[in-house]
Amino acid sequence: MNSMAFQHQQTAHCESGTAAALLRHAGLDLSEPMVFGLSGALTFAYLPLLKVGGMPLMAYRLPPGRVIKGLTSRLNIDMKYERFRRPEQGMDALNNHLDQGRPVGLQTSVFWLPYFPEDMRFHFNAHNLVVYGRDDDRYLISDPTFEKPVEADYESLQHARFVKGMLAPKGLLYYPKTIPQAPDLGGAITKAIRGNVNMMLRTPLPIIGVRGIRFVAKRIRKLSAARDDAFGKLFIGHMVRMQEEIGTGGAGFRFLYASFLQESAAILNNPALADASLLFTDIGDEWRRFALFAAKMLKGRMPLDYGKLADQLLVVADMEEQGYRKLGEALSE
């Protein structure tokens, strides 16, 4: 058996949780909210040309991989990435890293991981986890979405790493190669927050940021005139799934960001960031309220009212605009 001392922690999101775990093992102890906040990955985007299950992609964070890349870029961390053409080559490389006592992050497909309950498996190819040991053909895994460490057999893990389709992992493994002894955390926080403010308030495209939320509200309001409740229900159901079931979801990311702002307020000695943190918690609650209204309507517990859903999204948009303007002011003081 080949394993190493590795501290497992359950987290809210797989990518930020995996990054935090790898850095903690390497000596840089950052909380998951700090990892996510420093990445600058919080956003909103309505992308009708990209389809998920035949419906437009709605994203509440930047694409998979951007949490780790945004974080490492701001802290000047050298993260080593390896991809492979052949599955056998990728598994040999994984074994070599483990034999050297090095835990590595992997990008995988949720569907082929055997420890996921069947009702939780779906074809999402950008799930992140840490492998920290092996016992013959059994791999010891710290999957941040689970309470305790789990295991996977060689065949299943190979399949999960080399699945085809959208966001195909291509056997991706990664690990921190070098970490600055004294990273400029305060400077990185300031740059990350300013980047988020610009993305959410100043992106010229009407489908990105706060304007994107208002764009979708108009789209939902128009569904009442389409007289096609079948499509309308699909659209609303899809939005709720993207918000609440895929990864951490829209509301969950806002709660993570609120915790990041709370930590940042103490590091920068900036009480205005703590005030903004409370507002982002409220924003997460308003996203959840939208999901609750939509779920009740889809289950017939409330009349299907596209106008009510659109109005709730506008409330969210107004609060997000207020939140980001408050952040901009906090950094200019």
Foldseek 3Di string as FASTA:
>chain_A
DFFDDFDFAADQFQPLRALQRQVVVVPDHDDSLQLQLLLLFAWWFFAQVDDDVRGTDIARTHDQPSSNVSSCVLQVWDKDKDFADDLVVLVVVCVVCSVVQHKKKAFFAQQLFVVDPNVLHDGDGGGIWIFGHDDVQKTWIRGNNDHDIDIGGNVSRSCGQQPDDPPRNNSMIMHTPDGDPDGPSLVSSLVSLVSNLCFQPPDPDCCIHLSVLLVVLVVLQCVVVVPPVVVSLVNLVVQLCQAPPDTSHNLSSLLSNLVSLCVSCVVVVQVLSPVLSVLSNVLSVLVVVLSVVSVCCSVVVDPDDSNVSSVSSNVSSVSSNVSSVSSVVSSVD
